[in-house]
Amino acid sequence: MTISPLERAADSFAAELARQRTGRGLSKKQLAILMGFDPSYVSHVEGRRHRPTEDFARRAEAVLEAGGAIWQRFREYDDVRHARTAQPPRESHLPGQWLPPGTGLVVERETATLTHTVDSYRCVIRRELYNAGTEPVTRYLVRVAVDRYPNDPGRSNRHHREHPLTFAELQLQARRDDGGGDPEPMHWRAKHDRDAFKEIWLLFENGERRFPLYPGDRATIEYAYSVGQEKWGPWFQRAVRLPTRHLAVRLDLPTAFDPQVWGVETSLSAEEGPLRTAPQRHDEGDRAIFDWQTDDPPLNARYRMQWRFRARPDADPDVDTAGVRVRPSDRMRGIGIVQRGADLLRQRARPFDLPAEEQTAREVVDRLTAVLVRLDELHPFSKGVGVAAPQLGVGRAVSVVRPPDRSAEPVVLLNPRVVDADPDTDEQYEGCLSFFDHRGLVPRPLRLDVEHAQWDGSRIITSFEFGMARLVAHEIDHLEGRLYVDRMAPGVPLVPVEEYRETGRPWRY
C-alpha cells in the first residue's frame, strides 16, 4: 500500500505531538485541558483519525514548549496540503517563530530595568516589536501590578486598600522609536484601575499625529513608571504574553543594603522552580547590578526576580520617610507583629494535627518566613531572630528561628516542647518583636533539648546550645503564652531601647 506525501506529513505531525507530550509526562486528557480542546480530539489527532489544524498546532506548540518542532511539522504538512490543491503556500511572517491565534505582534527583544531610588522603585520597559500580522497595530496593552506582601495575600490586599496605587504617582511616560528620527511621545488611556493593579493602553498616537505599526514593520516602544517603596514588595516579575525572542531583566540596587537576589520561573507545563541560570552581579560605584536573560521564553511563562536587603546602614530604623520619629514597637506593628497587651500572646497555641494539617502548617510557616525577610530589611538582628505564629495573630504552635549565622537555614519548630534543659544558666539581654521598645536581662539554660514534629507527624529531638538555646526558648515561651518579662528576676528594671543601643553588647559565651 502506497502512502501519500500528505499522509506521511500528517503522520510526522502526529508522531512529533505524541513524542513531545509523553516527554513532558502529560496524558492526552491533560494536554487537551491545557490546550482548551476536548480530550477525544487530541486522541483523534494522534491516532491519525483527524488532520491537524493551524489553531491546534499553534496551541500544542505553546503548551508543550516544543522549540518550534510541532509548528515545523505542521508547516510541512500545510505546504503539502496546499501543493495538492494548487494553492500557494502561506508565508510565515517570521520564520521559525510560532505565532499564537489572533496575535500579530512579536516581541523581538524586551529589556526590563528596575532601579531602587531614595524613596521609590523606577521601572523602565523597552520592547522591540515586529508586526507579523495582517492588520495595523494602533495600541499596546501594558500592566502594572504591586504586591507589598507577596507571601501574605490577605495582608497585602488590606494594605493596598488603605494605600491604593494611583495613576498620578506612577508618572507614566511612553514613547515610540522607529529608528527614523526623534522618538515620538505616546499617549495612553486607562483600561482597568484597581487598588494594586493597573491596565493601560499605550496608543500609537499623540497630539500631533498617529503612527500605527503596519504589517511587516518594526518599532521600539519604551515606557517608565515609579512606585513608592511602601507599595512595592521585594520582587519583580515578567510575564511572557506575546511570542518573544529575547528577554533581559536588570535590577539596580544599592550596594550599601547588601542585596541578595534569586529568581523563580513557572510555565503552563511546569511547576515553580529556580531560574535555569543565575542572575549575574557586577558593581558600578555604589550600585549593585544584577542581570539575567533568556532566549525564546515559552508563551505564558513567568519569571520572578526576588531579593532581600541584609543591611540598611544609612537608614535610621526609627525615622520614617517624612523624618518623623517612629516608636520601634509601632514599626513592628506596621509589619503585622502583634504587640504586648494582645490576649493571644497570653494563650497557649493550639498544636497542628499532622500530617492532616500539613498544608495549613506550611502556609503559616511561609508567613513566618516572609516576616523574617522583612525584618532583615528593618534591623540587623546580629544575634539571630525568631518569630512565633501568635505574634502574627495566629494561635498555632509553630515558630521559625533564624540563627545568628545568616548562611544557616532557619529552624522550623512545629508543636515543640522542651524535654531537657541544662541546669546551668546565664543572664543576658533579650528583646522581643512584640515588646520592641525595651530590653531586659533574662536567665536561660545554656542547653535545651526540644522535641518537635516533622511534616509527616513524626517527632525528633534537637539539641540547641548557647545563643540558639536562648532564641528557641524565647519562641517556645510565646507558644505557651509567656513573654520574656515573665522570666526576669523580681526588681530588675527594663532598659529602654534607646539606652540599650548605647550599652548593649552581643551575647557572649
Protein backbone atom coordinates (compact mmCIF):
# COMPACT_ATOMS: atom_id res chain seq x y z
CA MET A 1 0.00 0.00 0.00
CA THR A 2 1.42 3.35 -1.06
CA ILE A 3 1.40 6.20 1.48
CA SER A 4 0.87 9.64 0.00
CA PRO A 5 3.13 12.62 0.91
CA LEU A 6 0.18 14.22 2.67
CA GLU A 7 -0.36 11.14 4.81
CA ARG A 8 3.35 10.97 5.62
CA ALA A 9 3.31 14.64 6.66
CA ALA A 10 0.24 14.11 8.86
CA ASP A 11 1.86 11.02 10.41
CA SER A 12 5.02 13.02 11.09
CA PHE A 13 2.98 15.71 12.86
CA ALA A 14 1.11 13.15 14.99
CA ALA A 15 4.35 11.39 15.93
CA GLU A 16 6.01 14.66 16.95
CA LEU A 17 2.96 15.64 19.01
CA ALA A 18 2.99 12.29 20.83
CA ARG A 19 6.76 12.50 21.43
CA GLN A 20 6.54 15.99 22.91
CA ARG A 21 3.51 15.10 25.06
CA THR A 22 4.97 11.91 26.54
CA GLY A 23 8.32 13.60 27.03
CA ARG A 24 6.62 16.06 29.38
CA GLY A 25 4.70 13.38 31.22
CA LEU A 26 1.25 14.56 30.10
CA SER A 27 -1.70 12.35 29.28
CA LYS A 28 -3.85 13.15 26.25
CA LYS A 29 -6.57 14.40 28.57
CA GLN A 30 -4.16 16.69 30.45
CA LEU A 31 -2.80 18.12 27.22
CA ALA A 32 -6.32 18.71 25.89
CA ILE A 33 -7.29 20.63 29.04
CA LEU A 34 -4.19 22.84 28.77
CA MET A 35 -4.91 23.48 25.08
CA GLY A 36 -8.63 24.12 25.57
CA PHE A 37 -9.77 21.14 23.44
CA ASP A 38 -11.99 18.12 24.05
CA PRO A 39 -9.83 15.15 25.16
CA SER A 40 -11.14 12.98 22.34
CA TYR A 41 -9.85 15.46 19.76
CA VAL A 42 -6.22 15.11 20.90
CA SER A 43 -6.64 11.34 20.81
CA HIS A 44 -8.04 11.50 17.26
CA VAL A 45 -5.15 13.69 16.02
CA GLU A 46 -2.51 11.39 17.50
CA GLY A 47 -4.41 8.38 16.09
CA ARG A 48 -4.40 9.96 12.59
CA ARG A 49 -8.20 10.00 12.53
CA HIS A 50 -8.25 13.82 12.40
CA ARG A 51 -5.90 16.03 10.43
CA PRO A 52 -4.18 18.85 12.37
CA THR A 53 -5.45 22.40 12.09
CA GLU A 54 -3.40 25.58 12.34
CA ASP A 55 -5.09 26.56 15.62
CA PHE A 56 -4.42 23.10 17.10
CA ALA A 57 -0.75 23.19 16.05
CA ARG A 58 -0.20 26.64 17.47
CA ARG A 59 -1.73 25.79 20.83
CA ALA A 60 0.18 22.50 21.06
CA GLU A 61 3.45 24.29 20.29
CA ALA A 62 2.77 26.85 23.05
CA VAL A 63 1.66 24.40 25.74
CA LEU A 64 4.38 21.81 25.09
CA GLU A 65 7.12 24.41 24.56
CA ALA A 66 8.42 22.31 21.69
CA GLY A 67 11.00 24.80 20.47
CA GLY A 68 9.26 25.07 17.10
CA ALA A 69 9.27 21.31 16.37
CA ILE A 70 5.48 20.88 16.35
CA TRP A 71 4.99 24.07 14.39
CA GLN A 72 7.61 22.94 11.81
CA ARG A 73 5.84 19.59 11.32
CA PHE A 74 2.57 21.47 10.79
CA ARG A 75 4.19 23.80 8.24
CA GLU A 76 5.46 20.75 6.32
CA TYR A 77 2.00 19.23 6.38
CA ASP A 78 0.37 22.53 5.37
CA ASP A 79 2.80 23.04 2.48
CA VAL A 80 1.98 19.59 1.09
CA ARG A 81 -1.75 20.20 1.54
CA HIS A 82 -1.62 23.48 -0.36
CA ALA A 83 0.55 21.97 -3.10
CA ARG A 84 -2.08 19.27 -3.71
CA THR A 85 -4.79 21.89 -4.15
CA ALA A 86 -2.59 24.07 -6.38
CA GLN A 87 -2.79 26.91 -3.84
CA PRO A 88 0.36 28.89 -3.00
CA PRO A 89 1.62 28.10 0.49
CA ARG A 90 1.11 30.85 3.04
CA GLU A 91 4.23 32.75 4.02
CA SER A 92 5.45 32.63 7.57
CA HIS A 93 5.88 36.26 8.58
CA LEU A 94 8.69 35.36 10.95
CA PRO A 95 10.41 32.04 10.07
CA GLY A 96 10.87 29.70 13.00
CA GLN A 97 8.68 31.79 15.32
CA TRP A 98 5.33 30.48 16.48
CA LEU A 99 2.51 32.99 16.19
CA PRO A 100 -0.48 32.47 18.51
CA PRO A 101 -4.05 32.70 17.21
CA GLY A 102 -5.29 36.25 16.82
CA THR A 103 -1.94 37.85 17.67
CA GLY A 104 0.10 39.73 15.13
CA LEU A 105 2.75 41.24 17.40
CA VAL A 106 6.06 39.61 18.20
CA VAL A 107 8.49 40.95 20.81
CA GLU A 108 11.92 40.55 19.28
CA ARG A 109 13.63 41.85 22.40
CA GLU A 110 12.46 43.02 25.83
CA THR A 111 14.72 44.77 28.32
CA ALA A 112 13.22 45.47 31.76
CA THR A 113 15.13 47.51 34.35
CA LEU A 114 14.08 48.14 37.96
CA THR A 115 16.02 50.74 39.94
CA HIS A 116 15.84 51.31 43.71
CA THR A 117 15.83 55.06 44.34
CA VAL A 118 15.78 57.02 47.60
CA ASP A 119 12.05 56.52 48.23
CA SER A 120 10.68 54.51 45.30
CA TYR A 121 11.30 51.94 42.59
CA ARG A 122 11.66 53.16 38.99
CA CYS A 123 10.73 50.66 36.27
CA VAL A 124 11.72 51.08 32.61
CA ILE A 125 10.48 48.59 29.99
CA ARG A 126 11.84 48.65 26.45
CA ARG A 127 10.32 46.36 23.81
CA GLU A 128 11.37 45.92 20.20
CA LEU A 129 8.19 44.96 18.32
CA TYR A 130 7.55 43.37 14.94
CA ASN A 131 4.07 43.29 13.39
CA ALA A 132 3.82 39.80 11.93
CA GLY A 133 0.07 40.10 11.45
CA THR A 134 -2.11 41.41 8.69
CA GLU A 135 -3.60 44.48 10.38
CA PRO A 136 -2.07 47.76 11.62
CA VAL A 137 -1.44 47.91 15.39
CA THR A 138 -2.73 51.11 16.98
CA ARG A 139 -2.39 50.35 20.70
CA TYR A 140 -0.40 48.16 23.09
CA LEU A 141 -1.61 46.86 26.47
CA VAL A 142 0.70 47.11 29.50
CA ARG A 143 0.13 46.06 33.10
CA VAL A 144 1.43 47.47 36.38
CA ALA A 145 0.89 45.28 39.45
CA VAL A 146 2.16 45.76 43.01
CA ASP A 147 2.12 43.33 45.93
CA ARG A 148 3.67 44.63 49.14
CA TYR A 149 3.49 41.29 50.96
CA PRO A 150 3.53 38.57 48.27
CA ASN A 151 3.56 35.72 50.81
CA ASP A 152 0.56 37.09 52.69
CA PRO A 153 -2.26 37.86 50.21
CA GLY A 154 -4.77 38.90 52.87
CA ARG A 155 -2.42 41.38 54.44
CA SER A 156 -1.31 42.69 51.06
CA ASN A 157 -4.92 43.25 49.99
CA ARG A 158 -5.64 45.17 53.19
CA HIS A 159 -2.50 47.25 52.74
CA HIS A 160 -3.36 48.24 49.19
CA ARG A 161 -6.96 49.01 50.08
CA GLU A 162 -5.62 51.52 52.60
CA HIS A 163 -2.81 52.71 50.33
CA PRO A 164 -4.04 52.23 46.74
CA LEU A 165 -1.76 52.62 43.75
CA THR A 166 -2.71 55.73 41.76
CA PHE A 167 -2.10 56.80 38.18
CA ALA A 168 -0.82 60.14 39.46
CA GLU A 169 2.04 58.58 41.42
CA LEU A 170 3.03 56.29 38.53
CA GLN A 171 4.14 59.29 36.45
CA LEU A 172 3.80 57.03 33.42
CA GLN A 173 5.70 58.11 30.31
CA ALA A 174 5.84 56.27 26.99
CA ARG A 175 7.45 56.81 23.61
CA ARG A 176 7.89 55.08 20.25
CA ASP A 177 11.06 54.91 18.21
CA ASP A 178 11.10 53.53 14.66
CA GLY A 179 14.74 54.46 14.07
CA GLY A 180 13.88 57.20 11.64
CA GLY A 181 14.24 60.25 13.88
CA ASP A 182 13.45 61.51 17.33
CA PRO A 183 11.29 59.22 19.50
CA GLU A 184 7.59 60.08 19.45
CA PRO A 185 5.71 60.55 22.75
CA MET A 186 2.82 58.10 23.08
CA HIS A 187 -0.50 58.97 24.66
CA TRP A 188 -2.07 56.42 26.96
CA ARG A 189 -5.53 55.50 28.22
CA ALA A 190 -6.52 53.56 31.34
CA LYS A 191 -8.30 50.24 30.82
CA HIS A 192 -8.55 48.88 34.39
CA ASP A 193 -7.98 50.71 37.66
CA ARG A 194 -7.64 48.54 40.80
CA ASP A 195 -6.01 49.20 44.17
CA ALA A 196 -2.91 47.15 43.31
CA PHE A 197 -3.30 46.67 39.56
CA LYS A 198 -3.47 48.92 36.52
CA GLU A 199 -4.01 48.05 32.86
CA ILE A 200 -3.09 50.76 30.38
CA TRP A 201 -3.36 51.12 26.63
CA LEU A 202 -0.30 52.75 25.09
CA LEU A 203 -1.59 54.49 21.97
CA PHE A 204 0.38 54.76 18.76
CA GLU A 205 -0.53 58.42 18.55
CA ASN A 206 -0.01 61.75 20.26
CA GLY A 207 -1.34 65.30 19.99
CA GLU A 208 0.38 65.85 16.65
CA ARG A 209 -0.18 62.66 14.65
CA ARG A 210 -0.91 58.95 14.55
CA PHE A 211 1.78 56.39 13.75
CA PRO A 212 0.32 52.85 13.56
CA LEU A 213 2.68 49.89 13.38
CA TYR A 214 1.90 48.42 9.96
CA PRO A 215 2.29 44.74 8.98
CA GLY A 216 5.92 43.89 8.32
CA ASP A 217 7.21 46.98 10.18
CA ARG A 218 9.28 47.23 13.33
CA ALA A 219 9.29 49.79 16.13
CA THR A 220 10.63 50.12 19.66
CA ILE A 221 8.39 51.29 22.49
CA GLU A 222 9.63 52.32 25.91
CA TYR A 223 7.57 53.14 28.96
CA ALA A 224 8.57 54.05 32.52
CA TYR A 225 6.79 54.46 35.84
CA SER A 226 7.56 54.86 39.56
CA VAL A 227 6.07 53.17 42.65
CA GLY A 228 6.79 54.13 46.27
CA GLN A 229 8.73 51.65 48.39
CA GLU A 230 5.80 51.35 50.79
CA LYS A 231 3.78 49.71 47.99
CA TRP A 232 6.42 47.65 46.19
CA GLY A 233 7.34 44.25 47.59
CA PRO A 234 10.77 42.61 47.15
CA TRP A 235 10.03 41.10 43.72
CA PHE A 236 9.96 41.97 40.02
CA GLN A 237 8.07 39.69 37.62
CA ARG A 238 7.99 39.49 33.85
CA ALA A 239 5.18 37.57 32.12
CA VAL A 240 5.53 36.41 28.52
CA ARG A 241 2.20 37.32 26.92
CA LEU A 242 3.40 37.63 23.31
CA PRO A 243 5.83 35.48 21.31
CA THR A 244 9.22 36.71 22.50
CA ARG A 245 12.69 36.04 21.11
CA HIS A 246 14.81 37.51 23.91
CA LEU A 247 14.05 38.69 27.45
CA ALA A 248 16.53 40.56 29.65
CA VAL A 249 15.96 41.76 33.23
CA ARG A 250 18.16 44.10 35.27
CA LEU A 251 17.94 45.04 38.96
CA ASP A 252 19.80 48.17 40.08
CA LEU A 253 20.08 48.13 43.89
CA PRO A 254 22.23 49.98 46.49
CA THR A 255 25.38 48.08 47.47
CA ALA A 256 25.07 49.61 50.96
CA PHE A 257 21.96 47.46 51.55
CA ASP A 258 23.94 44.26 50.86
CA PRO A 259 21.29 42.82 48.49
CA GLN A 260 20.77 39.10 47.91
CA VAL A 261 18.96 38.24 44.65
CA TRP A 262 17.49 34.99 43.34
CA GLY A 263 14.68 34.04 40.96
CA VAL A 264 11.97 31.53 40.08
CA GLU A 265 10.10 30.64 36.90
CA THR A 266 6.81 28.97 36.02
CA SER A 267 5.07 27.93 32.80
CA LEU A 268 1.90 26.19 31.67
CA SER A 269 3.63 22.80 31.73
CA ALA A 270 5.97 23.19 34.71
CA GLU A 271 5.63 23.96 38.40
CA GLU A 272 7.52 26.83 40.00
CA GLY A 273 11.26 26.22 40.12
CA PRO A 274 14.52 28.16 40.22
CA LEU A 275 15.72 30.12 37.22
CA ARG A 276 17.73 27.88 34.93
CA THR A 277 20.59 30.36 35.03
CA ALA A 278 21.55 32.53 38.00
CA PRO A 279 21.39 36.35 37.92
CA GLN A 280 24.87 37.78 37.36
CA ARG A 281 26.10 40.58 39.63
CA HIS A 282 28.56 43.37 38.98
CA ASP A 283 29.05 46.59 40.94
CA GLU A 284 29.13 50.09 39.48
CA GLY A 285 30.21 52.52 42.18
CA ASP A 286 27.65 52.31 44.98
CA ARG A 287 25.19 50.28 42.88
CA ALA A 288 24.82 46.50 42.70
CA ILE A 289 23.65 45.47 39.19
CA PHE A 290 22.01 42.06 38.72
CA ASP A 291 21.45 40.90 35.12
CA TRP A 292 19.50 37.89 33.88
CA GLN A 293 18.34 36.93 30.38
CA THR A 294 16.85 34.12 28.35
CA ASP A 295 16.16 33.35 24.67
CA ASP A 296 12.85 32.15 23.23
CA PRO A 297 10.90 32.03 26.52
CA PRO A 298 7.70 29.97 26.19
CA LEU A 299 4.39 31.77 25.91
CA ASN A 300 2.69 32.38 29.31
CA ALA A 301 5.92 31.74 31.22
CA ARG A 302 6.58 33.94 34.26
CA TYR A 303 9.98 34.92 35.59
CA ARG A 304 10.21 36.45 39.04
CA MET A 305 13.33 38.08 40.49
CA GLN A 306 13.31 38.33 44.29
CA TRP A 307 15.66 39.94 46.76
CA ARG A 308 16.29 40.86 50.35
CA PHE A 309 18.40 43.60 51.89
CA ARG A 310 20.71 42.28 54.59
CA ALA A 311 21.81 45.72 55.77
CA ARG A 312 20.39 49.23 55.86
CA PRO A 313 23.42 51.17 57.26
CA ASP A 314 22.35 54.62 56.11
CA ALA A 315 18.82 54.42 57.46
CA ASP A 316 17.59 55.27 60.93
CA PRO A 317 15.04 52.49 61.55
CA ASP A 318 13.06 54.75 63.88
CA VAL A 319 12.59 57.63 61.43
CA ASP A 320 10.01 57.40 58.64
CA THR A 321 10.34 58.82 55.13
CA ALA A 322 8.91 62.15 56.30
CA GLY A 323 11.57 62.47 59.01
CA VAL A 324 9.12 61.78 61.84
CA ARG A 325 10.39 59.55 64.66
CA VAL A 326 8.50 56.29 64.97
CA ARG A 327 8.43 54.11 68.10
CA PRO A 328 10.15 50.76 67.46
CA SER A 329 7.02 48.91 68.58
CA ASP A 330 4.95 50.87 66.05
CA ARG A 331 7.37 49.84 63.32
CA MET A 332 6.92 46.20 64.32
CA ARG A 333 3.16 46.69 64.42
CA GLY A 334 3.36 48.14 60.92
CA ILE A 335 4.67 44.86 59.50
CA GLY A 336 2.00 42.82 61.27
CA ILE A 337 3.66 41.89 64.59
CA VAL A 338 1.09 41.71 67.42
CA GLN A 339 2.21 43.86 70.36
CA ARG A 340 2.20 43.29 74.12
CA GLY A 341 -1.29 43.53 75.60
CA ALA A 342 -2.97 41.37 72.96
CA ASP A 343 -4.88 38.47 74.52
CA LEU A 344 -3.47 35.95 72.02
CA LEU A 345 0.07 36.46 73.38
CA ARG A 346 -1.12 35.10 76.73
CA GLN A 347 -2.81 31.98 75.37
CA ARG A 348 -1.33 28.54 74.73
CA ALA A 349 -1.08 27.91 70.99
CA ARG A 350 -3.02 25.02 69.50
CA PRO A 351 -0.83 22.21 68.04
CA PHE A 352 -1.20 21.03 64.44
CA ASP A 353 -2.73 17.66 63.67
CA LEU A 354 -0.01 16.30 61.37
CA PRO A 355 0.06 15.16 58.67
CA ALA A 356 -3.65 16.01 58.23
CA GLU A 357 -2.96 19.74 58.65
CA GLU A 358 0.33 19.79 56.76
CA GLN A 359 -0.88 22.30 54.16
CA THR A 360 -2.15 24.69 56.85
CA ALA A 361 1.13 24.37 58.74
CA ARG A 362 3.15 25.11 55.61
CA GLU A 363 1.09 28.22 54.91
CA VAL A 364 1.74 29.54 58.42
CA VAL A 365 5.46 28.78 58.10
CA ASP A 366 5.53 30.65 54.78
CA ARG A 367 4.05 33.69 56.53
CA LEU A 368 6.59 33.49 59.34
CA THR A 369 9.46 33.16 56.87
CA ALA A 370 8.24 36.15 54.87
CA VAL A 371 8.16 38.25 58.05
CA LEU A 372 11.76 37.25 58.82
CA VAL A 373 12.77 38.54 55.38
CA ARG A 374 11.00 41.83 56.04
CA LEU A 375 12.60 42.08 59.49
CA ASP A 376 16.04 41.80 57.92
CA GLU A 377 15.22 44.97 55.96
CA LEU A 378 14.38 46.86 59.15
CA HIS A 379 17.01 45.72 61.64
CA PRO A 380 20.34 43.82 61.52
CA PHE A 381 19.44 41.26 64.27
CA SER A 382 23.07 40.18 64.55
CA LYS A 383 22.20 37.78 67.40
CA GLY A 384 19.61 35.97 65.30
CA VAL A 385 15.86 36.40 65.42
CA GLY A 386 12.72 34.31 65.71
CA VAL A 387 9.01 34.79 65.27
CA ALA A 388 6.14 32.65 66.56
CA ALA A 389 2.71 32.24 64.97
CA PRO A 390 0.85 34.01 67.85
CA GLN A 391 2.93 37.10 67.11
CA LEU A 392 1.20 37.25 63.70
CA GLY A 393 -2.22 36.75 65.27
CA VAL A 394 -2.27 33.00 64.51
CA GLY A 395 -2.81 30.84 67.58
CA ARG A 396 -0.98 27.76 66.28
CA ALA A 397 2.08 26.02 67.70
CA VAL A 398 4.86 26.86 65.25
CA SER A 399 7.79 29.25 65.20
CA VAL A 400 10.71 29.94 62.87
CA VAL A 401 14.16 30.92 64.16
CA ARG A 402 16.96 32.42 62.06
CA PRO A 403 20.38 31.65 63.60
CA PRO A 404 22.99 34.39 64.05
CA ASP A 405 24.88 32.81 61.13
CA ARG A 406 22.95 34.17 58.19
CA SER A 407 24.22 31.44 55.89
CA ALA A 408 22.43 28.82 58.01
CA GLU A 409 18.86 27.80 57.19
CA PRO A 410 16.08 28.99 59.53
CA VAL A 411 14.88 26.40 62.05
CA VAL A 412 11.19 25.44 61.91
CA LEU A 413 9.71 24.30 65.22
CA LEU A 414 6.34 22.53 64.82
CA ASN A 415 4.49 21.56 68.00
CA PRO A 416 7.68 21.92 70.08
CA ARG A 417 8.16 21.02 73.72
CA VAL A 418 11.23 21.15 75.93
CA VAL A 419 12.24 17.66 77.09
CA ASP A 420 15.51 18.55 78.87
CA ALA A 421 17.45 21.67 79.86
CA ASP A 422 20.94 22.28 81.21
CA PRO A 423 20.77 23.23 84.93
CA ASP A 424 23.47 25.83 84.24
CA THR A 425 22.04 29.17 83.15
CA ASP A 426 23.30 32.59 82.21
CA GLU A 427 21.65 36.02 82.20
CA GLN A 428 21.75 38.21 79.11
CA TYR A 429 19.69 40.94 77.50
CA GLU A 430 16.78 39.92 75.29
CA GLY A 431 14.37 41.85 73.14
CA CYS A 432 11.02 40.83 71.70
CA LEU A 433 9.30 41.74 68.46
CA SER A 434 6.08 42.10 70.44
CA PHE A 435 7.71 44.30 73.08
CA PHE A 436 10.28 46.13 70.99
CA ASP A 437 10.61 49.41 72.92
CA HIS A 438 12.59 47.75 75.76
CA ARG A 439 15.23 45.15 76.53
CA GLY A 440 15.55 43.03 79.66
CA LEU A 441 18.02 40.71 81.45
CA VAL A 442 16.66 37.17 81.22
CA PRO A 443 18.16 33.95 82.66
CA ARG A 444 18.14 30.99 80.23
CA PRO A 445 19.63 27.48 80.24
CA LEU A 446 22.85 27.02 78.25
CA ARG A 447 21.45 23.94 76.50
CA LEU A 448 17.93 22.99 75.52
CA ASP A 449 16.67 19.66 74.13
CA VAL A 450 13.47 20.17 72.15
CA GLU A 451 11.12 17.55 70.76
CA HIS A 452 9.29 18.82 67.68
CA ALA A 453 7.26 17.47 64.79
CA GLN A 454 8.12 16.85 61.15
CA TRP A 455 5.65 17.50 58.33
CA ASP A 456 4.59 13.84 58.31
CA GLY A 457 3.76 13.93 62.03
CA SER A 458 6.86 12.05 63.21
CA ARG A 459 8.80 13.64 66.05
CA ILE A 460 12.51 14.27 66.54
CA ILE A 461 14.64 15.77 69.32
CA THR A 462 17.09 18.57 68.54
CA SER A 463 19.63 19.96 70.98
CA PHE A 464 20.37 23.70 70.97
CA GLU A 465 23.22 25.45 72.80
CA PHE A 466 24.08 28.96 73.96
CA GLY A 467 22.60 31.69 71.69
CA MET A 468 20.36 29.30 69.76
CA ALA A 469 19.12 27.79 73.02
CA ARG A 470 18.14 31.29 74.14
CA LEU A 471 16.37 32.08 70.86
CA VAL A 472 14.49 28.76 70.83
CA ALA A 473 13.47 29.07 74.49
CA HIS A 474 12.13 32.57 73.80
CA GLU A 475 9.96 31.31 70.91
CA ILE A 476 8.67 28.27 72.78
CA ASP A 477 7.63 30.63 75.58
CA HIS A 478 5.50 32.51 73.03
CA LEU A 479 3.74 29.25 72.12
CA GLU A 480 2.99 28.68 75.80
CA GLY A 481 1.63 32.19 76.37
CA ARG A 482 4.70 33.69 78.09
CA LEU A 483 6.79 36.81 77.44
CA TYR A 484 10.40 37.26 78.44
CA VAL A 485 9.41 39.67 81.22
CA ASP A 486 7.87 36.66 83.00
CA ARG A 487 11.36 35.13 83.22
CA MET A 488 13.12 38.21 84.64
CA ALA A 489 14.20 38.30 88.29
CA PRO A 490 11.95 40.43 90.54
CA GLY A 491 13.01 44.05 90.75
CA VAL A 492 15.24 44.02 87.65
CA PRO A 493 14.25 47.04 85.54
CA LEU A 494 13.62 47.08 81.81
CA VAL A 495 16.01 49.13 79.68
CA PRO A 496 14.58 51.50 77.03
CA VAL A 497 15.81 50.51 73.57
CA GLU A 498 17.48 53.90 73.09
CA GLU A 499 19.63 53.33 76.18
CA TYR A 500 20.30 49.73 75.27
CA ARG A 501 21.72 50.80 71.90
CA GLU A 502 24.39 52.68 73.78
CA THR A 503 25.23 49.97 76.31
CA GLY A 504 24.08 46.68 74.79
CA ARG A 505 26.64 44.06 73.75
CA PRO A 506 26.43 40.86 71.69
CA TRP A 507 25.74 37.71 73.66
CA ARG A 508 28.97 36.14 74.90
CA TYR A 509 29.57 32.54 75.91
